[in-house]
Amino acid sequence: MTLLSVRLDDEVSDEIDTWSHYLGVSRSDLVRDALRHHLVTLTGERDSEIWEEHPLDENDLQLSDIADLGPTEDWSDWHDAAG
C-alpha cells in the first residue's frame, strides 16, 4: 500500500472528521473510499466518451443479436440437478 499525503482546507478536514465519526470509520477509510468512488465515476465518464467516439460496428451488433436469442438448449429440467 502506498502512503499519499495531501493538504486540505480546515473546513474540508473538519467535515471529514465529522463524517468519519458519524459513520464510525477512520478518516483514512473515509477518504480512501471517497477517492475510489470518485475515480470509478471518472472512469465511467471516460468510458462513455469512448463509446460515443467509437460506436458499435456491425460485428459488435451481430453479437448482441445472438445474445437476444437466449440459450440454445432447454435447461429447465436441471432445476433439481444440485440435489
N, C-alpha and C. Protein backbone atom coordinates (compact mmCIF):
# COMPACT_ATOMS: atom_id res chain seq x y z
N MET A 1 0.85 -1.16 0.00
CA MET A 1 0.00 0.00 0.00
C MET A 1 0.90 1.23 0.00
N THR A 2 0.50 2.27 -0.70
CA THR A 2 1.26 3.49 -0.82
C THR A 2 0.68 4.56 0.09
N LEU A 3 1.54 5.31 0.74
CA LEU A 3 1.12 6.43 1.57
C LEU A 3 1.08 7.66 0.71
N LEU A 4 -0.06 8.36 0.72
CA LEU A 4 -0.25 9.56 -0.08
C LEU A 4 -0.62 10.68 0.87
N SER A 5 0.09 11.78 0.79
CA SER A 5 -0.15 12.91 1.67
C SER A 5 -0.76 14.05 0.87
N VAL A 6 -1.80 14.67 1.40
CA VAL A 6 -2.45 15.81 0.73
C VAL A 6 -2.69 16.92 1.75
N ARG A 7 -2.75 18.13 1.26
CA ARG A 7 -3.10 19.28 2.10
C ARG A 7 -4.56 19.63 1.84
N LEU A 8 -5.30 19.85 2.94
CA LEU A 8 -6.72 20.16 2.83
C LEU A 8 -7.02 21.44 3.59
N ASP A 9 -8.04 22.14 3.14
CA ASP A 9 -8.53 23.28 3.91
C ASP A 9 -9.07 22.77 5.24
N ASP A 10 -9.01 23.61 6.25
CA ASP A 10 -9.50 23.22 7.58
C ASP A 10 -10.98 22.83 7.53
N GLU A 11 -11.75 23.51 6.69
CA GLU A 11 -13.18 23.21 6.57
C GLU A 11 -13.40 21.79 6.05
N VAL A 12 -12.64 21.39 5.05
CA VAL A 12 -12.76 20.05 4.49
C VAL A 12 -12.30 19.02 5.52
N SER A 13 -11.21 19.31 6.20
CA SER A 13 -10.70 18.40 7.23
C SER A 13 -11.73 18.21 8.34
N ASP A 14 -12.37 19.30 8.76
CA ASP A 14 -13.41 19.21 9.80
C ASP A 14 -14.59 18.38 9.33
N GLU A 15 -14.94 18.53 8.06
CA GLU A 15 -16.06 17.75 7.51
C GLU A 15 -15.71 16.27 7.45
N ILE A 16 -14.46 15.96 7.12
CA ILE A 16 -14.00 14.57 7.12
C ILE A 16 -14.09 14.01 8.53
N ASP A 17 -13.65 14.78 9.51
CA ASP A 17 -13.74 14.34 10.90
C ASP A 17 -15.19 14.07 11.30
N THR A 18 -16.08 14.98 10.94
CA THR A 18 -17.50 14.84 11.29
C THR A 18 -18.09 13.57 10.69
N TRP A 19 -17.84 13.36 9.39
CA TRP A 19 -18.41 12.19 8.72
C TRP A 19 -17.79 10.88 9.20
N SER A 20 -16.50 10.90 9.42
CA SER A 20 -15.86 9.66 9.86
C SER A 20 -16.36 9.27 11.25
N HIS A 21 -16.57 10.26 12.11
CA HIS A 21 -17.13 9.97 13.44
C HIS A 21 -18.57 9.46 13.31
N TYR A 22 -19.37 10.13 12.47
CA TYR A 22 -20.77 9.75 12.29
C TYR A 22 -20.89 8.33 11.73
N LEU A 23 -20.03 7.98 10.79
CA LEU A 23 -20.08 6.66 10.15
C LEU A 23 -19.33 5.59 10.92
N GLY A 24 -18.53 6.01 11.88
CA GLY A 24 -17.78 5.03 12.68
C GLY A 24 -16.63 4.40 11.92
N VAL A 25 -16.02 5.17 11.03
CA VAL A 25 -14.88 4.68 10.27
C VAL A 25 -13.72 5.65 10.48
N SER A 26 -12.53 5.20 10.16
CA SER A 26 -11.38 6.09 10.29
C SER A 26 -11.39 7.14 9.18
N ARG A 27 -10.67 8.22 9.44
CA ARG A 27 -10.54 9.26 8.42
C ARG A 27 -9.95 8.68 7.14
N SER A 28 -8.93 7.84 7.31
CA SER A 28 -8.28 7.24 6.14
C SER A 28 -9.24 6.39 5.33
N ASP A 29 -10.06 5.59 6.02
CA ASP A 29 -11.05 4.76 5.30
C ASP A 29 -12.04 5.62 4.55
N LEU A 30 -12.51 6.69 5.19
CA LEU A 30 -13.48 7.57 4.55
C LEU A 30 -12.90 8.22 3.31
N VAL A 31 -11.69 8.76 3.43
CA VAL A 31 -11.04 9.43 2.29
C VAL A 31 -10.70 8.42 1.20
N ARG A 32 -10.21 7.24 1.58
CA ARG A 32 -9.87 6.21 0.60
C ARG A 32 -11.11 5.79 -0.19
N ASP A 33 -12.23 5.56 0.52
CA ASP A 33 -13.45 5.15 -0.18
C ASP A 33 -14.00 6.27 -1.06
N ALA A 34 -13.92 7.52 -0.58
CA ALA A 34 -14.40 8.65 -1.37
C ALA A 34 -13.57 8.81 -2.64
N LEU A 35 -12.26 8.68 -2.50
CA LEU A 35 -11.38 8.79 -3.66
C LEU A 35 -11.63 7.66 -4.65
N ARG A 36 -11.79 6.44 -4.13
CA ARG A 36 -12.07 5.30 -5.00
C ARG A 36 -13.38 5.52 -5.76
N HIS A 37 -14.41 6.01 -5.06
CA HIS A 37 -15.71 6.27 -5.69
C HIS A 37 -15.55 7.33 -6.79
N HIS A 38 -14.79 8.37 -6.51
CA HIS A 38 -14.60 9.43 -7.50
C HIS A 38 -13.84 8.90 -8.72
N LEU A 39 -12.83 8.08 -8.50
CA LEU A 39 -12.08 7.51 -9.62
C LEU A 39 -12.95 6.60 -10.48
N VAL A 40 -13.84 5.84 -9.85
CA VAL A 40 -14.77 4.99 -10.60
C VAL A 40 -15.69 5.86 -11.45
N THR A 41 -16.16 6.98 -10.88
CA THR A 41 -17.01 7.90 -11.62
C THR A 41 -16.27 8.48 -12.83
N LEU A 42 -15.04 8.92 -12.61
CA LEU A 42 -14.24 9.46 -13.71
C LEU A 42 -14.01 8.42 -14.80
N THR A 43 -13.73 7.19 -14.40
CA THR A 43 -13.52 6.11 -15.38
C THR A 43 -14.79 5.87 -16.18
N GLY A 44 -15.93 5.88 -15.53
CA GLY A 44 -17.20 5.70 -16.23
C GLY A 44 -17.46 6.81 -17.22
N GLU A 45 -17.14 8.04 -16.84
CA GLU A 45 -17.33 9.16 -17.75
C GLU A 45 -16.41 9.03 -18.97
N ARG A 46 -15.16 8.61 -18.72
CA ARG A 46 -14.22 8.42 -19.83
C ARG A 46 -14.71 7.30 -20.75
N ASP A 47 -15.20 6.21 -20.15
CA ASP A 47 -15.69 5.10 -20.95
C ASP A 47 -16.86 5.53 -21.83
N SER A 48 -17.75 6.35 -21.28
CA SER A 48 -18.91 6.78 -22.08
C SER A 48 -18.45 7.67 -23.24
N GLU A 49 -17.41 8.49 -23.00
CA GLU A 49 -16.88 9.31 -24.10
C GLU A 49 -16.28 8.42 -25.19
N ILE A 50 -15.59 7.36 -24.79
CA ILE A 50 -15.00 6.44 -25.76
C ILE A 50 -16.09 5.75 -26.57
N TRP A 51 -17.19 5.34 -25.89
CA TRP A 51 -18.29 4.69 -26.60
C TRP A 51 -18.92 5.65 -27.61
N GLU A 52 -19.03 6.93 -27.24
CA GLU A 52 -19.60 7.91 -28.16
C GLU A 52 -18.68 8.14 -29.36
N GLU A 53 -17.36 8.16 -29.12
CA GLU A 53 -16.41 8.37 -30.20
C GLU A 53 -16.28 7.15 -31.11
N HIS A 54 -16.47 5.96 -30.53
CA HIS A 54 -16.30 4.71 -31.28
C HIS A 54 -17.54 3.83 -31.05
N PRO A 55 -18.64 4.15 -31.71
CA PRO A 55 -19.85 3.34 -31.51
C PRO A 55 -19.66 1.90 -32.00
N LEU A 56 -20.59 1.06 -31.62
CA LEU A 56 -20.53 -0.34 -32.04
C LEU A 56 -20.55 -0.44 -33.56
N ASP A 57 -19.75 -1.36 -34.08
CA ASP A 57 -19.78 -1.58 -35.51
C ASP A 57 -20.70 -2.77 -35.81
N GLU A 58 -20.78 -3.13 -37.07
CA GLU A 58 -21.70 -4.20 -37.50
C GLU A 58 -21.38 -5.54 -36.81
N ASN A 59 -20.09 -5.85 -36.63
CA ASN A 59 -19.72 -7.10 -35.97
C ASN A 59 -20.19 -7.13 -34.51
N ASP A 60 -20.03 -6.00 -33.81
CA ASP A 60 -20.48 -5.93 -32.42
C ASP A 60 -21.99 -6.11 -32.33
N LEU A 61 -22.70 -5.50 -33.25
CA LEU A 61 -24.16 -5.59 -33.24
C LEU A 61 -24.64 -7.02 -33.52
N GLN A 62 -23.89 -7.78 -34.32
CA GLN A 62 -24.25 -9.17 -34.57
C GLN A 62 -24.17 -9.99 -33.29
N LEU A 63 -23.20 -9.71 -32.46
CA LEU A 63 -23.09 -10.43 -31.18
C LEU A 63 -24.28 -10.13 -30.29
N SER A 64 -24.78 -8.90 -30.30
CA SER A 64 -25.95 -8.60 -29.48
C SER A 64 -27.19 -9.30 -30.02
N ASP A 65 -27.27 -9.47 -31.34
CA ASP A 65 -28.39 -10.23 -31.92
C ASP A 65 -28.36 -11.68 -31.45
N ILE A 66 -27.18 -12.27 -31.40
CA ILE A 66 -27.04 -13.65 -30.93
C ILE A 66 -27.44 -13.75 -29.47
N ALA A 67 -27.03 -12.80 -28.67
CA ALA A 67 -27.36 -12.82 -27.24
C ALA A 67 -28.87 -12.71 -27.03
N ASP A 68 -29.55 -11.97 -27.90
CA ASP A 68 -31.00 -11.82 -27.78
C ASP A 68 -31.75 -13.13 -28.03
N LEU A 69 -31.10 -14.09 -28.69
CA LEU A 69 -31.77 -15.36 -28.99
C LEU A 69 -31.96 -16.20 -27.73
N GLY A 70 -31.12 -15.99 -26.73
CA GLY A 70 -31.22 -16.76 -25.49
C GLY A 70 -30.50 -18.07 -25.60
N PRO A 71 -30.67 -18.93 -24.60
CA PRO A 71 -29.98 -20.22 -24.60
C PRO A 71 -30.40 -21.07 -25.79
N THR A 72 -29.46 -21.85 -26.30
CA THR A 72 -29.78 -22.70 -27.44
C THR A 72 -30.29 -24.06 -27.00
N GLU A 73 -30.19 -24.35 -25.71
CA GLU A 73 -30.67 -25.63 -25.20
C GLU A 73 -31.68 -25.38 -24.09
N ASP A 74 -32.53 -26.36 -23.87
CA ASP A 74 -33.52 -26.27 -22.80
C ASP A 74 -32.93 -26.84 -21.52
N TRP A 75 -32.66 -25.99 -20.56
CA TRP A 75 -32.06 -26.40 -19.29
C TRP A 75 -33.10 -26.44 -18.17
N SER A 76 -34.37 -26.32 -18.51
CA SER A 76 -35.41 -26.23 -17.47
C SER A 76 -35.48 -27.49 -16.61
N ASP A 77 -35.04 -28.65 -17.12
CA ASP A 77 -35.11 -29.88 -16.33
C ASP A 77 -33.93 -29.99 -15.38
N TRP A 78 -33.04 -29.01 -15.33
CA TRP A 78 -31.88 -29.04 -14.45
C TRP A 78 -32.15 -28.32 -13.12
N HIS A 79 -33.38 -27.94 -12.85
CA HIS A 79 -33.69 -27.17 -11.64
C HIS A 79 -33.37 -27.95 -10.36
N ASP A 80 -33.34 -29.30 -10.43
CA ASP A 80 -33.03 -30.08 -9.22
C ASP A 80 -31.70 -30.82 -9.34
N ALA A 81 -30.83 -30.38 -10.26
CA ALA A 81 -29.57 -31.08 -10.51
C ALA A 81 -28.62 -31.03 -9.31
N ALA A 82 -28.74 -29.98 -8.49
CA ALA A 82 -27.83 -29.86 -7.35
C ALA A 82 -28.19 -30.86 -6.26
N GLY A 83 -29.29 -31.42 -6.31
CA GLY A 83 -29.63 -32.45 -5.34
C GLY A 83 -30.80 -32.12 -4.59
